[in-house]
């Protein structure tokens, strides 16, 4: 009968001790905050906090993981920002009554740049699925545009 009470009590005590350590250690506290910012999509703040946490404790795996995730997610976000900007430029060119050879060359160059940028993105299982999907959709759009321009 004593072991039925003793084991859960010890397990609870151990979890509480780990929780207090985890929350009182500045490195892990920053890691938790970094993870929160990462999950909310603020990758710059997440990276900043993860770097601080990692500086405080180089053995903090959570900080290391969030730092790597944030770096990758920032690359994906930058690709999306560039894609939006270039798609806007391409749509402005396409809205013209006739597209000149120079405009076609500009569209081709933009598409080739974005396609090569996509190849350089490191695929990662831990990267936000929505980011990966958005980037893949933009890449597909640039592939289709390049096909149309090359005809």
Protein backbone atom coordinates (compact mmCIF):
# COMPACT_ATOMS: atom_id res chain seq x y z
CA UNK A 1 0.00 0.00 0.00
CA UNK A 2 2.88 2.38 0.77
CA UNK A 3 4.43 1.89 -2.67
CA UNK A 4 1.15 2.90 -4.32
CA UNK A 5 1.44 6.28 -2.63
CA UNK A 6 5.23 6.57 -2.54
CA UNK A 7 5.89 6.10 -6.28
CA UNK A 8 3.36 8.70 -7.56
CA UNK A 9 4.51 11.11 -4.84
CA UNK A 10 8.16 10.75 -5.84
CA UNK A 11 7.27 11.09 -9.53
CA UNK A 12 5.27 14.26 -8.82
CA UNK A 13 8.09 15.68 -6.69
CA UNK A 14 10.64 14.93 -9.41
CA UNK A 15 8.46 16.64 -12.05
CA UNK A 16 8.05 19.67 -9.79
CA UNK A 17 11.80 19.89 -9.16
CA UNK A 18 12.48 19.63 -12.90
CA UNK A 19 9.83 22.27 -13.61
CA UNK A 20 11.29 24.69 -11.06
CA UNK A 21 14.79 24.14 -12.45
CA UNK A 22 13.55 24.53 -16.01
CA UNK A 23 11.74 27.79 -15.26
CA UNK A 24 14.37 29.25 -12.94
CA UNK A 25 17.32 28.59 -15.24
CA UNK A 26 17.72 31.72 -17.44
CA UNK A 27 18.82 29.71 -20.45
CA UNK A 28 15.80 27.42 -20.38
CA UNK A 29 13.45 30.30 -19.58
CA UNK A 30 14.68 32.08 -22.72
CA UNK A 31 14.33 28.82 -24.65
CA UNK A 32 10.70 28.54 -23.64
CA UNK A 33 10.08 32.13 -24.69
CA UNK A 34 11.93 31.51 -27.96
CA UNK A 35 9.76 28.46 -28.64
CA UNK A 36 6.64 30.54 -27.96
CA UNK A 37 7.74 33.22 -30.44
CA UNK A 38 8.63 30.55 -32.98
CA UNK A 39 5.20 28.97 -32.66
CA UNK A 40 3.50 32.36 -33.09
CA UNK A 41 5.50 33.06 -36.26
CA UNK A 42 7.86 35.73 -34.91
CA UNK A 43 10.99 34.01 -36.17
CA UNK A 44 13.32 36.98 -35.66
CA UNK A 45 12.46 37.27 -31.97
CA UNK A 46 12.63 33.49 -31.60
CA UNK A 47 16.11 33.45 -33.14
CA UNK A 48 17.29 36.29 -30.94
CA UNK A 49 16.07 34.62 -27.74
CA UNK A 50 17.37 31.20 -28.78
CA UNK A 51 20.82 32.69 -29.43
CA UNK A 52 20.80 34.31 -26.00
CA UNK A 53 19.73 31.04 -24.38
CA UNK A 54 22.38 29.10 -26.27
CA UNK A 55 25.03 31.63 -25.23
CA UNK A 56 24.06 31.10 -21.59
CA UNK A 57 24.17 27.31 -21.89
CA UNK A 58 25.70 25.66 -24.95
CA UNK A 59 24.22 22.32 -23.84
CA UNK A 60 20.66 23.67 -24.06
CA UNK A 61 19.28 21.48 -26.85
CA UNK A 62 15.97 23.32 -26.91
CA UNK A 63 17.76 26.60 -27.66
CA UNK A 64 19.83 24.92 -30.35
CA UNK A 65 16.75 23.40 -31.98
CA UNK A 66 14.72 26.62 -31.90
CA UNK A 67 17.71 28.51 -33.29
CA UNK A 68 18.02 26.08 -36.22
CA UNK A 69 14.25 26.11 -36.82
CA UNK A 70 14.15 29.91 -36.76
CA UNK A 71 17.02 30.27 -39.22
CA UNK A 72 15.32 27.91 -41.65
CA UNK A 73 11.93 29.56 -41.19
CA UNK A 74 13.44 33.00 -41.77
CA UNK A 75 14.83 31.76 -45.09
CA UNK A 76 11.40 30.45 -46.05
CA UNK A 77 9.77 33.73 -44.99
CA UNK A 78 12.30 35.73 -47.02
CA UNK A 79 11.53 33.58 -50.06
CA UNK A 80 7.80 34.25 -49.62
CA UNK A 81 8.40 38.00 -49.26
CA UNK A 82 10.53 38.04 -52.42
CA UNK A 83 7.97 35.91 -54.26
CA UNK A 84 5.16 38.32 -53.39
CA UNK A 85 7.23 41.29 -54.51
CA UNK A 86 8.23 39.66 -57.80
CA UNK A 87 4.74 38.34 -58.51
CA UNK A 88 3.45 41.89 -58.14
CA UNK A 89 6.06 43.12 -60.64
CA UNK A 90 5.19 40.31 -63.06
CA UNK A 91 1.46 41.04 -62.77
CA UNK A 92 2.13 44.71 -63.57
CA UNK A 93 4.05 43.66 -66.68
CA UNK A 94 1.34 41.16 -67.66
CA UNK A 95 -1.35 43.86 -67.31
CA UNK A 96 0.18 45.73 -70.25
CA UNK A 97 -1.49 45.35 -73.62
CA UNK A 98 1.62 43.86 -75.20
CA UNK A 99 4.67 42.38 -73.54
CA UNK A 100 8.01 43.38 -75.03
CA UNK A 101 10.99 41.08 -75.42
CA UNK A 102 12.73 42.99 -72.63
CA UNK A 103 9.78 42.37 -70.33
CA UNK A 104 9.78 38.67 -71.24
CA UNK A 105 13.50 38.52 -70.43
CA UNK A 106 12.85 40.25 -67.11
CA UNK A 107 10.11 37.75 -66.22
CA UNK A 108 12.34 34.84 -67.28
CA UNK A 109 15.21 36.16 -65.13
CA UNK A 110 12.94 36.66 -62.10
CA UNK A 111 11.54 33.13 -62.48
CA UNK A 112 15.00 31.60 -62.82
CA UNK A 113 16.24 33.46 -59.74
CA UNK A 114 13.28 32.34 -57.66
CA UNK A 115 13.52 28.74 -58.87
CA UNK A 116 17.21 28.58 -58.00
CA UNK A 117 16.47 30.17 -54.61
CA UNK A 118 13.89 27.46 -53.95
CA UNK A 119 16.45 24.74 -54.62
CA UNK A 120 18.77 26.30 -52.03
CA UNK A 121 16.13 26.11 -49.28
CA UNK A 122 16.99 23.28 -46.96
CA UNK A 123 14.02 20.97 -46.55
CA UNK A 124 13.31 20.35 -42.90
CA UNK A 125 10.75 18.23 -41.12
CA UNK A 126 10.53 20.70 -38.24
CA UNK A 127 9.77 23.73 -40.42
CA UNK A 128 6.21 25.02 -40.19
CA UNK A 129 4.12 23.07 -42.71
CA UNK A 130 2.24 26.20 -43.81
CA UNK A 131 5.51 27.94 -44.67
CA UNK A 132 6.72 24.94 -46.65
CA UNK A 133 3.38 24.74 -48.49
CA UNK A 134 3.35 28.46 -49.32
CA UNK A 135 6.90 28.32 -50.64
CA UNK A 136 6.08 25.26 -52.74
CA UNK A 137 3.03 27.02 -54.19
CA UNK A 138 5.05 30.08 -55.16
CA UNK A 139 7.73 27.85 -56.68
CA UNK A 140 5.09 26.09 -58.75
CA UNK A 141 3.77 29.46 -59.89
CA UNK A 142 7.24 30.53 -61.03
CA UNK A 143 7.70 27.21 -62.87
CA UNK A 144 4.43 27.76 -64.75
CA UNK A 145 5.34 31.36 -65.55
CA UNK A 146 8.71 30.29 -66.90
CA UNK A 147 7.03 27.71 -69.13
CA UNK A 148 4.66 30.39 -70.51
CA UNK A 149 7.47 32.87 -71.14
CA UNK A 150 9.65 30.27 -72.87
CA UNK A 151 6.95 29.36 -75.39
